[in-house]
Amino acid sequence: MVAEKLRSGLAEMQISATGEQTNQLHTYLELLVKWNQAYNLTAISDPTKMVSYHVLDSLSLFDLIENHASCLDVGTGAGLPGIPLAIMRPETHWVLLDSNGKKTRFVQQVIASCRLSNVKVVQSRVQDYHADSLFDIIVSRAYASVEDFIASVNHLWHKDKILITMKTEMSSPEREALASLPYKVEVTPITVPGIDEKRSLVLIQRQNT
């Protein structure tokens, strides 16, 4: 059932996966189910729901990730959205950042088991993390507010590139707060196979001066 849901979901999203990529996604899900029993990495325990709420939801960013981009996943938790995107965009380079040791150990196991050469995991608070160079794309599913997300990554944000945060249905006050930010903000509703709740991607860019 997991394999069929993954196959049909990818097809619905018009994302083509090689046999190796499909195997890597399956390995990731198997590890997530196993580790979740001991470490409570996610509130979702049903493997079929993990396909939609974790893998396919992460891949809703697929078309926004450019080839050869350097990407930072802030508050990656169980490797989301970074691991599915790194698997499906093997020519990109990822740093997965989280301050929780058990979660970074899990992600390190995934990297080894899936043989991902384009992913590095770092245990750190984002405010304390300093990279050798700025990132092309910074993503997160973890932040409650867009303002906090921007503030936390401002020292890592290339001025010509984008931030992407993933949100559930946004309230009117949230939308009003976004409109008042001194940035170009685009809110794009998305549909994820197997998820009934409304989902949005929030893209943030600096205003041209």
N, C-alpha and C. Protein backbone atom coordinates (compact mmCIF):
# COMPACT_ATOMS: atom_id res chain seq x y z
N MET A 1 0.82 -1.21 0.00
CA MET A 1 0.00 0.00 0.00
C MET A 1 0.86 1.27 0.00
N VAL A 2 1.96 1.24 0.77
CA VAL A 2 2.87 2.39 0.80
C VAL A 2 3.47 2.61 -0.58
N ALA A 3 3.91 1.55 -1.23
CA ALA A 3 4.52 1.67 -2.55
C ALA A 3 3.54 2.23 -3.57
N GLU A 4 2.30 1.77 -3.53
CA GLU A 4 1.29 2.24 -4.47
C GLU A 4 0.94 3.70 -4.22
N LYS A 5 0.82 4.07 -2.94
CA LYS A 5 0.49 5.46 -2.63
C LYS A 5 1.62 6.39 -3.05
N LEU A 6 2.85 5.97 -2.86
CA LEU A 6 3.99 6.77 -3.30
C LEU A 6 4.01 6.90 -4.81
N ARG A 7 3.81 5.78 -5.51
CA ARG A 7 3.82 5.80 -6.98
C ARG A 7 2.72 6.70 -7.52
N SER A 8 1.50 6.53 -7.02
CA SER A 8 0.38 7.32 -7.53
C SER A 8 0.51 8.79 -7.16
N GLY A 9 1.05 9.06 -5.97
CA GLY A 9 1.25 10.45 -5.56
C GLY A 9 2.26 11.18 -6.42
N LEU A 10 3.38 10.53 -6.70
CA LEU A 10 4.38 11.12 -7.57
C LEU A 10 3.81 11.36 -8.96
N ALA A 11 3.04 10.40 -9.45
CA ALA A 11 2.43 10.55 -10.78
C ALA A 11 1.47 11.73 -10.81
N GLU A 12 0.66 11.87 -9.77
CA GLU A 12 -0.29 12.98 -9.70
C GLU A 12 0.42 14.32 -9.65
N MET A 13 1.59 14.35 -9.00
CA MET A 13 2.37 15.59 -8.92
C MET A 13 3.26 15.78 -10.13
N GLN A 14 3.21 14.82 -11.06
CA GLN A 14 4.00 14.87 -12.29
C GLN A 14 5.50 14.93 -12.00
N ILE A 15 5.91 14.10 -11.05
CA ILE A 15 7.33 13.98 -10.70
C ILE A 15 7.79 12.58 -11.07
N SER A 16 8.79 12.51 -11.91
CA SER A 16 9.32 11.21 -12.35
C SER A 16 10.44 10.77 -11.42
N ALA A 17 10.38 9.51 -11.00
CA ALA A 17 11.41 8.96 -10.11
C ALA A 17 12.07 7.76 -10.77
N THR A 18 13.39 7.68 -10.66
CA THR A 18 14.09 6.49 -11.13
C THR A 18 13.88 5.36 -10.12
N GLY A 19 14.28 4.16 -10.51
CA GLY A 19 14.20 3.04 -9.58
C GLY A 19 15.02 3.28 -8.33
N GLU A 20 16.19 3.87 -8.50
CA GLU A 20 17.04 4.15 -7.34
C GLU A 20 16.39 5.17 -6.42
N GLN A 21 15.81 6.21 -6.99
CA GLN A 21 15.14 7.23 -6.16
C GLN A 21 13.95 6.64 -5.42
N THR A 22 13.18 5.79 -6.07
CA THR A 22 12.06 5.14 -5.42
C THR A 22 12.54 4.29 -4.25
N ASN A 23 13.62 3.56 -4.46
CA ASN A 23 14.19 2.74 -3.38
C ASN A 23 14.67 3.61 -2.22
N GLN A 24 15.27 4.75 -2.53
CA GLN A 24 15.75 5.64 -1.48
C GLN A 24 14.59 6.21 -0.67
N LEU A 25 13.51 6.58 -1.34
CA LEU A 25 12.34 7.08 -0.62
C LEU A 25 11.74 6.00 0.27
N HIS A 26 11.71 4.75 -0.22
CA HIS A 26 11.22 3.64 0.59
C HIS A 26 12.12 3.41 1.80
N THR A 27 13.43 3.46 1.59
CA THR A 27 14.37 3.29 2.69
C THR A 27 14.17 4.36 3.74
N TYR A 28 13.99 5.60 3.28
CA TYR A 28 13.73 6.69 4.21
C TYR A 28 12.49 6.42 5.05
N LEU A 29 11.40 6.03 4.40
CA LEU A 29 10.15 5.77 5.11
C LEU A 29 10.30 4.61 6.10
N GLU A 30 11.00 3.56 5.70
CA GLU A 30 11.21 2.42 6.59
C GLU A 30 11.99 2.84 7.83
N LEU A 31 13.03 3.64 7.65
CA LEU A 31 13.81 4.12 8.78
C LEU A 31 12.98 5.04 9.67
N LEU A 32 12.16 5.88 9.05
CA LEU A 32 11.33 6.80 9.83
C LEU A 32 10.35 6.03 10.70
N VAL A 33 9.72 5.00 10.14
CA VAL A 33 8.79 4.18 10.92
C VAL A 33 9.52 3.50 12.08
N LYS A 34 10.70 2.94 11.81
CA LYS A 34 11.46 2.21 12.83
C LYS A 34 11.94 3.15 13.95
N TRP A 35 12.57 4.25 13.58
CA TRP A 35 13.12 5.16 14.57
C TRP A 35 12.01 5.89 15.34
N ASN A 36 10.89 6.11 14.68
CA ASN A 36 9.81 6.85 15.32
C ASN A 36 9.24 6.11 16.53
N GLN A 37 9.34 4.80 16.51
CA GLN A 37 8.82 4.00 17.63
C GLN A 37 9.59 4.27 18.91
N ALA A 38 10.86 4.61 18.79
CA ALA A 38 11.68 4.85 19.97
C ALA A 38 11.92 6.33 20.25
N TYR A 39 11.96 7.15 19.20
CA TYR A 39 12.39 8.54 19.37
C TYR A 39 11.31 9.58 19.13
N ASN A 40 10.10 9.14 18.76
CA ASN A 40 8.99 10.08 18.55
C ASN A 40 9.39 11.24 17.63
N LEU A 41 9.89 10.90 16.46
CA LEU A 41 10.34 11.91 15.51
C LEU A 41 9.18 12.66 14.88
N THR A 42 8.02 12.01 14.79
CA THR A 42 6.85 12.63 14.18
C THR A 42 5.60 12.09 14.85
N ALA A 43 4.56 12.92 14.89
CA ALA A 43 3.30 12.50 15.49
C ALA A 43 2.56 11.51 14.60
N ILE A 44 2.94 11.43 13.34
CA ILE A 44 2.30 10.53 12.40
C ILE A 44 3.00 9.17 12.47
N SER A 45 2.26 8.12 12.77
CA SER A 45 2.85 6.79 12.86
C SER A 45 2.42 5.86 11.73
N ASP A 46 1.36 6.21 11.02
CA ASP A 46 0.86 5.40 9.92
C ASP A 46 1.75 5.59 8.70
N PRO A 47 2.41 4.54 8.21
CA PRO A 47 3.32 4.70 7.06
C PRO A 47 2.65 5.28 5.82
N THR A 48 1.38 4.93 5.59
CA THR A 48 0.71 5.48 4.40
C THR A 48 0.47 6.98 4.55
N LYS A 49 0.19 7.43 5.77
CA LYS A 49 0.04 8.87 5.98
C LYS A 49 1.39 9.58 5.88
N MET A 50 2.46 8.90 6.28
CA MET A 50 3.79 9.49 6.14
C MET A 50 4.11 9.80 4.68
N VAL A 51 3.62 8.96 3.77
CA VAL A 51 3.85 9.20 2.34
C VAL A 51 3.33 10.56 1.96
N SER A 52 2.08 10.87 2.33
CA SER A 52 1.47 12.14 1.95
C SER A 52 2.00 13.30 2.78
N TYR A 53 1.95 13.15 4.12
CA TYR A 53 2.23 14.28 5.00
C TYR A 53 3.71 14.60 5.13
N HIS A 54 4.58 13.67 4.75
CA HIS A 54 6.01 13.93 4.84
C HIS A 54 6.69 13.94 3.47
N VAL A 55 6.60 12.85 2.72
CA VAL A 55 7.33 12.78 1.45
C VAL A 55 6.70 13.66 0.38
N LEU A 56 5.42 13.45 0.09
CA LEU A 56 4.78 14.23 -0.98
C LEU A 56 4.66 15.70 -0.61
N ASP A 57 4.38 15.98 0.66
CA ASP A 57 4.31 17.37 1.10
C ASP A 57 5.66 18.06 0.89
N SER A 58 6.74 17.38 1.22
CA SER A 58 8.08 17.96 0.99
C SER A 58 8.32 18.21 -0.49
N LEU A 59 7.86 17.30 -1.32
CA LEU A 59 8.10 17.41 -2.76
C LEU A 59 7.21 18.44 -3.44
N SER A 60 6.32 19.09 -2.68
CA SER A 60 5.57 20.21 -3.25
C SER A 60 6.50 21.37 -3.61
N LEU A 61 7.73 21.34 -3.09
CA LEU A 61 8.74 22.35 -3.42
C LEU A 61 9.57 21.98 -4.64
N PHE A 62 9.33 20.81 -5.20
CA PHE A 62 10.20 20.25 -6.23
C PHE A 62 10.51 21.23 -7.35
N ASP A 63 9.49 21.89 -7.89
CA ASP A 63 9.69 22.78 -9.03
C ASP A 63 10.39 24.08 -8.67
N LEU A 64 10.48 24.37 -7.38
CA LEU A 64 11.13 25.61 -6.94
C LEU A 64 12.62 25.43 -6.68
N ILE A 65 13.08 24.18 -6.66
CA ILE A 65 14.48 23.90 -6.36
C ILE A 65 15.26 23.80 -7.67
N GLU A 66 16.12 24.77 -7.91
CA GLU A 66 16.86 24.83 -9.16
C GLU A 66 18.01 23.82 -9.16
N ASN A 67 18.37 23.37 -10.34
CA ASN A 67 19.52 22.48 -10.48
C ASN A 67 20.77 23.15 -9.93
N HIS A 68 21.57 22.36 -9.23
CA HIS A 68 22.87 22.79 -8.70
C HIS A 68 22.75 23.84 -7.58
N ALA A 69 21.54 24.07 -7.07
CA ALA A 69 21.36 25.04 -6.00
C ALA A 69 21.96 24.52 -4.69
N SER A 70 22.47 25.45 -3.88
CA SER A 70 22.88 25.13 -2.52
C SER A 70 21.72 25.48 -1.60
N CYS A 71 21.27 24.51 -0.81
CA CYS A 71 20.03 24.65 -0.07
C CYS A 71 20.24 24.38 1.42
N LEU A 72 19.53 25.14 2.24
CA LEU A 72 19.56 24.96 3.69
C LEU A 72 18.15 24.64 4.16
N ASP A 73 18.01 23.56 4.92
CA ASP A 73 16.74 23.17 5.53
C ASP A 73 16.86 23.46 7.02
N VAL A 74 16.11 24.48 7.47
CA VAL A 74 16.21 24.95 8.85
C VAL A 74 15.16 24.24 9.71
N GLY A 75 15.61 23.68 10.84
CA GLY A 75 14.71 22.92 11.68
C GLY A 75 14.22 21.68 10.98
N THR A 76 15.16 20.95 10.40
CA THR A 76 14.82 19.82 9.53
C THR A 76 14.08 18.70 10.25
N GLY A 77 14.25 18.58 11.57
CA GLY A 77 13.55 17.52 12.29
C GLY A 77 13.95 16.14 11.78
N ALA A 78 12.98 15.43 11.23
CA ALA A 78 13.24 14.09 10.69
C ALA A 78 13.72 14.13 9.24
N GLY A 79 14.29 15.28 8.85
CA GLY A 79 14.83 15.40 7.49
C GLY A 79 13.84 15.92 6.49
N LEU A 80 12.94 16.77 6.94
CA LEU A 80 11.86 17.26 6.10
C LEU A 80 11.86 18.78 6.02
N PRO A 81 11.81 19.31 4.82
CA PRO A 81 11.63 18.65 3.52
C PRO A 81 12.93 18.22 2.84
N GLY A 82 14.07 18.39 3.50
CA GLY A 82 15.36 18.24 2.83
C GLY A 82 15.65 16.87 2.24
N ILE A 83 15.37 15.79 2.98
CA ILE A 83 15.73 14.46 2.49
C ILE A 83 14.97 14.10 1.20
N PRO A 84 13.64 14.19 1.16
CA PRO A 84 12.96 13.87 -0.10
C PRO A 84 13.42 14.74 -1.27
N LEU A 85 13.67 16.02 -1.01
CA LEU A 85 14.12 16.91 -2.08
C LEU A 85 15.53 16.57 -2.54
N ALA A 86 16.40 16.22 -1.60
CA ALA A 86 17.76 15.83 -1.97
C ALA A 86 17.78 14.55 -2.79
N ILE A 87 16.87 13.63 -2.46
CA ILE A 87 16.77 12.39 -3.23
C ILE A 87 16.30 12.67 -4.65
N MET A 88 15.28 13.50 -4.78
CA MET A 88 14.68 13.74 -6.09
C MET A 88 15.40 14.81 -6.89
N ARG A 89 16.27 15.58 -6.23
CA ARG A 89 17.11 16.58 -6.92
C ARG A 89 18.58 16.28 -6.59
N PRO A 90 19.11 15.18 -7.12
CA PRO A 90 20.45 14.74 -6.71
C PRO A 90 21.57 15.70 -7.11
N GLU A 91 21.30 16.63 -8.03
CA GLU A 91 22.33 17.57 -8.44
C GLU A 91 22.40 18.79 -7.53
N THR A 92 21.50 18.88 -6.53
CA THR A 92 21.54 19.97 -5.58
C THR A 92 22.40 19.58 -4.37
N HIS A 93 22.71 20.56 -3.55
CA HIS A 93 23.52 20.33 -2.36
C HIS A 93 22.77 20.87 -1.14
N TRP A 94 22.70 20.06 -0.08
CA TRP A 94 21.86 20.39 1.06
C TRP A 94 22.64 20.37 2.37
N VAL A 95 22.31 21.33 3.24
CA VAL A 95 22.67 21.29 4.64
C VAL A 95 21.37 21.20 5.42
N LEU A 96 21.24 20.16 6.26
CA LEU A 96 20.06 19.95 7.08
C LEU A 96 20.42 20.31 8.52
N LEU A 97 19.72 21.29 9.06
CA LEU A 97 20.10 21.90 10.33
C LEU A 97 19.03 21.65 11.39
N ASP A 98 19.45 21.18 12.55
CA ASP A 98 18.53 21.02 13.67
C ASP A 98 19.35 21.00 14.96
N SER A 99 18.76 21.50 16.03
CA SER A 99 19.48 21.54 17.31
C SER A 99 19.27 20.28 18.14
N ASN A 100 18.34 19.42 17.72
CA ASN A 100 17.99 18.22 18.47
C ASN A 100 18.89 17.06 18.07
N GLY A 101 19.64 16.53 19.02
CA GLY A 101 20.63 15.50 18.73
C GLY A 101 20.03 14.20 18.22
N LYS A 102 18.91 13.76 18.78
CA LYS A 102 18.32 12.50 18.33
C LYS A 102 17.82 12.62 16.89
N LYS A 103 17.37 13.81 16.53
CA LYS A 103 16.89 14.01 15.16
C LYS A 103 18.05 14.08 14.17
N THR A 104 19.12 14.73 14.55
CA THR A 104 20.27 14.78 13.63
C THR A 104 20.93 13.42 13.50
N ARG A 105 20.89 12.62 14.57
CA ARG A 105 21.43 11.25 14.46
C ARG A 105 20.59 10.41 13.50
N PHE A 106 19.28 10.59 13.55
CA PHE A 106 18.41 9.89 12.61
C PHE A 106 18.72 10.31 11.18
N VAL A 107 18.84 11.61 10.95
CA VAL A 107 19.11 12.08 9.59
C VAL A 107 20.46 11.55 9.10
N GLN A 108 21.44 11.49 9.97
CA GLN A 108 22.74 10.95 9.59
C GLN A 108 22.62 9.49 9.17
N GLN A 109 21.77 8.73 9.86
CA GLN A 109 21.55 7.33 9.49
C GLN A 109 20.87 7.23 8.12
N VAL A 110 19.93 8.12 7.86
CA VAL A 110 19.27 8.15 6.55
C VAL A 110 20.28 8.45 5.45
N ILE A 111 21.14 9.43 5.67
CA ILE A 111 22.15 9.80 4.68
C ILE A 111 23.02 8.59 4.35
N ALA A 112 23.43 7.86 5.38
CA ALA A 112 24.28 6.69 5.16
C ALA A 112 23.52 5.57 4.47
N SER A 113 22.31 5.28 4.93
CA SER A 113 21.54 4.16 4.39
C SER A 113 21.11 4.41 2.95
N CYS A 114 20.79 5.66 2.63
CA CYS A 114 20.36 6.01 1.27
C CYS A 114 21.52 6.40 0.36
N ARG A 115 22.73 6.42 0.94
CA ARG A 115 23.94 6.77 0.20
C ARG A 115 23.79 8.12 -0.50
N LEU A 116 23.42 9.11 0.28
CA LEU A 116 23.23 10.45 -0.26
C LEU A 116 24.53 11.24 -0.13
N SER A 117 25.11 11.56 -1.26
CA SER A 117 26.38 12.29 -1.26
C SER A 117 26.17 13.81 -1.32
N ASN A 118 24.93 14.24 -1.45
CA ASN A 118 24.64 15.67 -1.61
C ASN A 118 24.00 16.27 -0.36
N VAL A 119 24.13 15.59 0.79
CA VAL A 119 23.49 16.06 2.02
C VAL A 119 24.49 16.04 3.17
N LYS A 120 24.45 17.12 3.96
CA LYS A 120 25.24 17.22 5.19
C LYS A 120 24.29 17.62 6.31
N VAL A 121 24.42 16.99 7.47
CA VAL A 121 23.58 17.34 8.61
C VAL A 121 24.42 18.06 9.65
N VAL A 122 23.85 19.11 10.24
CA VAL A 122 24.55 19.91 11.25
C VAL A 122 23.64 20.06 12.46
N GLN A 123 24.17 19.74 13.64
CA GLN A 123 23.42 19.96 14.87
C GLN A 123 23.78 21.33 15.41
N SER A 124 22.82 22.26 15.32
CA SER A 124 23.05 23.63 15.77
C SER A 124 21.75 24.40 15.75
N ARG A 125 21.67 25.42 16.59
CA ARG A 125 20.61 26.42 16.43
C ARG A 125 20.94 27.26 15.20
N VAL A 126 19.94 27.64 14.46
CA VAL A 126 20.22 28.38 13.23
C VAL A 126 20.89 29.71 13.55
N GLN A 127 20.55 30.31 14.69
CA GLN A 127 21.15 31.60 15.05
C GLN A 127 22.65 31.47 15.28
N ASP A 128 23.11 30.25 15.64
CA ASP A 128 24.52 30.03 15.93
C ASP A 128 25.29 29.46 14.75
N TYR A 129 24.59 29.16 13.67
CA TYR A 129 25.21 28.50 12.52
C TYR A 129 25.72 29.53 11.53
N HIS A 130 26.98 29.34 11.13
CA HIS A 130 27.59 30.23 10.14
C HIS A 130 28.22 29.36 9.05
N ALA A 131 27.76 29.56 7.82
CA ALA A 131 28.23 28.76 6.69
C ALA A 131 29.41 29.46 6.01
N ASP A 132 30.15 28.69 5.23
CA ASP A 132 31.27 29.26 4.48
C ASP A 132 30.80 30.21 3.38
N SER A 133 29.59 29.97 2.87
CA SER A 133 29.02 30.83 1.84
C SER A 133 27.51 30.88 2.02
N LEU A 134 26.88 31.89 1.44
CA LEU A 134 25.43 32.05 1.56
C LEU A 134 24.71 31.03 0.68
N PHE A 135 23.46 30.76 1.04
CA PHE A 135 22.69 29.72 0.34
C PHE A 135 21.82 30.32 -0.76
N ASP A 136 21.59 29.51 -1.79
CA ASP A 136 20.68 29.91 -2.86
C ASP A 136 19.22 29.85 -2.42
N ILE A 137 18.89 28.80 -1.66
CA ILE A 137 17.52 28.58 -1.21
C ILE A 137 17.55 28.15 0.26
N ILE A 138 16.69 28.76 1.07
CA ILE A 138 16.54 28.36 2.46
C ILE A 138 15.08 27.98 2.67
N VAL A 139 14.86 26.78 3.20
CA VAL A 139 13.49 26.28 3.38
C VAL A 139 13.25 25.88 4.83
N SER A 140 11.98 25.85 5.22
CA SER A 140 11.63 25.36 6.55
C SER A 140 10.16 24.99 6.61
N ARG A 141 9.89 23.94 7.39
CA ARG A 141 8.50 23.61 7.75
C ARG A 141 8.26 23.89 9.23
N ALA A 142 9.26 24.40 9.92
CA ALA A 142 9.23 24.37 11.39
C ALA A 142 8.78 25.66 12.06
N TYR A 143 8.75 26.77 11.35
CA TYR A 143 8.54 28.05 12.01
C TYR A 143 7.08 28.42 12.12
N ALA A 144 6.71 28.95 13.31
CA ALA A 144 5.33 29.37 13.53
C ALA A 144 5.02 30.66 12.79
N SER A 145 5.99 31.56 12.70
CA SER A 145 5.74 32.83 12.01
C SER A 145 6.81 33.09 10.96
N VAL A 146 6.40 33.72 9.87
CA VAL A 146 7.32 34.05 8.80
C VAL A 146 8.35 35.07 9.28
N GLU A 147 7.90 36.00 10.14
CA GLU A 147 8.82 37.01 10.65
C GLU A 147 9.97 36.39 11.43
N ASP A 148 9.67 35.39 12.26
CA ASP A 148 10.72 34.72 13.03
C ASP A 148 11.67 33.96 12.10
N PHE A 149 11.11 33.35 11.06
CA PHE A 149 11.92 32.63 10.09
C PHE A 149 12.92 33.56 9.41
N ILE A 150 12.44 34.69 8.94
CA ILE A 150 13.31 35.65 8.26
C ILE A 150 14.41 36.14 9.20
N ALA A 151 14.03 36.48 10.42
CA ALA A 151 15.01 37.00 11.39
C ALA A 151 16.09 35.98 11.69
N SER A 152 15.72 34.71 11.76
CA SER A 152 16.68 33.68 12.17
C SER A 152 17.69 33.35 11.09
N VAL A 153 17.31 33.56 9.82
CA VAL A 153 18.20 33.15 8.72
C VAL A 153 18.80 34.33 7.97
N ASN A 154 18.59 35.54 8.45
CA ASN A 154 19.02 36.72 7.69
C ASN A 154 20.52 36.71 7.43
N HIS A 155 21.31 36.15 8.34
CA HIS A 155 22.76 36.13 8.17
C HIS A 155 23.22 35.05 7.18
N LEU A 156 22.29 34.23 6.71
CA LEU A 156 22.62 33.15 5.77
C LEU A 156 21.97 33.34 4.41
N TRP A 157 21.25 34.42 4.24
CA TRP A 157 20.37 34.64 3.09
C TRP A 157 21.07 35.47 2.02
N HIS A 158 21.31 34.89 0.86
CA HIS A 158 21.86 35.61 -0.28
C HIS A 158 20.83 36.62 -0.76
N LYS A 159 21.23 37.84 -0.94
CA LYS A 159 20.26 38.94 -1.19
C LYS A 159 19.43 38.74 -2.45
N ASP A 160 19.93 37.98 -3.42
CA ASP A 160 19.19 37.79 -4.67
C ASP A 160 18.40 36.49 -4.70
N LYS A 161 18.38 35.75 -3.61
CA LYS A 161 17.76 34.43 -3.61
C LYS A 161 16.50 34.42 -2.74
N ILE A 162 15.91 33.24 -2.56
CA ILE A 162 14.60 33.16 -1.91
C ILE A 162 14.60 32.32 -0.63
N LEU A 163 13.65 32.68 0.22
CA LEU A 163 13.30 31.86 1.36
C LEU A 163 11.96 31.21 1.06
N ILE A 164 11.79 29.97 1.51
CA ILE A 164 10.52 29.27 1.32
C ILE A 164 10.11 28.65 2.65
N THR A 165 8.92 28.98 3.10
CA THR A 165 8.39 28.32 4.29
C THR A 165 7.05 27.69 3.95
N MET A 166 6.76 26.58 4.57
CA MET A 166 5.56 25.79 4.27
C MET A 166 4.56 26.01 5.40
N LYS A 167 3.32 26.33 5.03
CA LYS A 167 2.32 26.67 6.02
C LYS A 167 1.03 25.90 5.77
N THR A 168 0.28 25.66 6.86
CA THR A 168 -1.09 25.19 6.72
C THR A 168 -1.96 26.41 6.42
N GLU A 169 -3.27 26.24 6.45
CA GLU A 169 -4.16 27.35 6.10
C GLU A 169 -3.81 28.58 6.93
N MET A 170 -3.70 29.73 6.25
CA MET A 170 -3.27 30.95 6.92
C MET A 170 -4.47 31.81 7.28
N SER A 171 -4.42 32.38 8.48
CA SER A 171 -5.50 33.24 8.95
C SER A 171 -5.37 34.63 8.33
N SER A 172 -6.43 35.40 8.42
CA SER A 172 -6.40 36.77 7.90
C SER A 172 -5.34 37.63 8.60
N PRO A 173 -5.18 37.54 9.95
CA PRO A 173 -4.10 38.31 10.59
C PRO A 173 -2.71 37.92 10.09
N GLU A 174 -2.50 36.62 9.81
CA GLU A 174 -1.21 36.20 9.27
C GLU A 174 -0.96 36.83 7.91
N ARG A 175 -1.98 36.83 7.06
CA ARG A 175 -1.83 37.41 5.73
C ARG A 175 -1.58 38.92 5.81
N GLU A 176 -2.27 39.58 6.73
CA GLU A 176 -2.06 41.02 6.91
C GLU A 176 -0.65 41.30 7.39
N ALA A 177 -0.13 40.44 8.27
CA ALA A 177 1.23 40.62 8.76
C ALA A 177 2.24 40.45 7.63
N LEU A 178 2.00 39.50 6.73
CA LEU A 178 2.89 39.30 5.59
C LEU A 178 2.90 40.52 4.69
N ALA A 179 1.72 41.11 4.47
CA ALA A 179 1.62 42.26 3.58
C ALA A 179 2.40 43.46 4.10
N SER A 180 2.61 43.50 5.42
CA SER A 180 3.32 44.64 6.01
C SER A 180 4.83 44.46 6.03
N LEU A 181 5.32 43.29 5.65
CA LEU A 181 6.76 43.04 5.68
C LEU A 181 7.46 43.79 4.55
N PRO A 182 8.69 44.25 4.78
CA PRO A 182 9.43 44.98 3.74
C PRO A 182 10.12 44.05 2.75
N TYR A 183 9.39 43.05 2.30
CA TYR A 183 9.91 42.07 1.36
C TYR A 183 8.84 41.79 0.31
N LYS A 184 9.26 41.17 -0.77
CA LYS A 184 8.31 40.66 -1.75
C LYS A 184 7.86 39.29 -1.27
N VAL A 185 6.58 39.14 -0.96
CA VAL A 185 6.05 37.91 -0.40
C VAL A 185 4.97 37.36 -1.33
N GLU A 186 5.11 36.10 -1.69
CA GLU A 186 4.13 35.45 -2.55
C GLU A 186 3.61 34.20 -1.84
N VAL A 187 2.29 34.13 -1.66
CA VAL A 187 1.65 32.99 -1.02
C VAL A 187 0.98 32.15 -2.10
N THR A 188 1.43 30.91 -2.26
CA THR A 188 0.92 30.03 -3.31
C THR A 188 0.20 28.83 -2.70
N PRO A 189 -1.11 28.72 -2.89
CA PRO A 189 -1.83 27.53 -2.40
C PRO A 189 -1.35 26.29 -3.16
N ILE A 190 -1.25 25.19 -2.46
CA ILE A 190 -0.82 23.94 -3.09
C ILE A 190 -1.78 22.81 -2.71
N THR A 191 -1.82 21.80 -3.56
CA THR A 191 -2.59 20.59 -3.28
C THR A 191 -1.62 19.43 -3.22
N VAL A 192 -1.68 18.69 -2.13
CA VAL A 192 -0.80 17.53 -1.93
C VAL A 192 -1.67 16.28 -1.91
N PRO A 193 -1.38 15.30 -2.77
CA PRO A 193 -2.17 14.06 -2.78
C PRO A 193 -2.25 13.42 -1.39
N GLY A 194 -3.47 13.13 -0.94
CA GLY A 194 -3.66 12.49 0.34
C GLY A 194 -3.81 13.44 1.51
N ILE A 195 -3.72 14.75 1.27
CA ILE A 195 -3.88 15.74 2.34
C ILE A 195 -5.08 16.62 2.02
N ASP A 196 -6.06 16.63 2.92
CA ASP A 196 -7.27 17.43 2.71
C ASP A 196 -7.09 18.86 3.19
N GLU A 197 -6.24 19.07 4.19
CA GLU A 197 -6.05 20.41 4.74
C GLU A 197 -5.44 21.34 3.69
N LYS A 198 -5.81 22.61 3.78
CA LYS A 198 -5.24 23.59 2.86
C LYS A 198 -3.78 23.82 3.21
N ARG A 199 -2.96 23.89 2.18
CA ARG A 199 -1.52 24.07 2.34
C ARG A 199 -1.06 25.23 1.48
N SER A 200 -0.04 25.93 1.92
CA SER A 200 0.50 27.04 1.14
C SER A 200 2.02 27.05 1.23
N LEU A 201 2.64 27.53 0.15
CA LEU A 201 4.06 27.84 0.17
C LEU A 201 4.19 29.36 0.22
N VAL A 202 5.05 29.84 1.11
CA VAL A 202 5.30 31.28 1.21
C VAL A 202 6.71 31.54 0.72
N LEU A 203 6.81 32.29 -0.37
CA LEU A 203 8.10 32.64 -0.97
C LEU A 203 8.43 34.07 -0.61
N ILE A 204 9.64 34.28 -0.09
CA ILE A 204 10.06 35.61 0.36
C ILE A 204 11.32 36.01 -0.39
N GLN A 205 11.30 37.20 -0.96
CA GLN A 205 12.46 37.77 -1.63
C GLN A 205 12.67 39.20 -1.17
N ARG A 206 13.92 39.63 -1.21
CA ARG A 206 14.19 41.03 -0.89
C ARG A 206 13.65 41.90 -2.02
N GLN A 207 13.17 43.09 -1.66
CA GLN A 207 12.69 44.03 -2.66
C GLN A 207 13.88 44.57 -3.45
N ASN A 208 13.70 44.73 -4.76
CA ASN A 208 14.75 45.33 -5.58
C ASN A 208 14.89 46.80 -5.20
N THR A 209 16.15 47.22 -5.09
CA THR A 209 16.39 48.62 -4.71
C THR A 209 17.11 49.34 -5.83
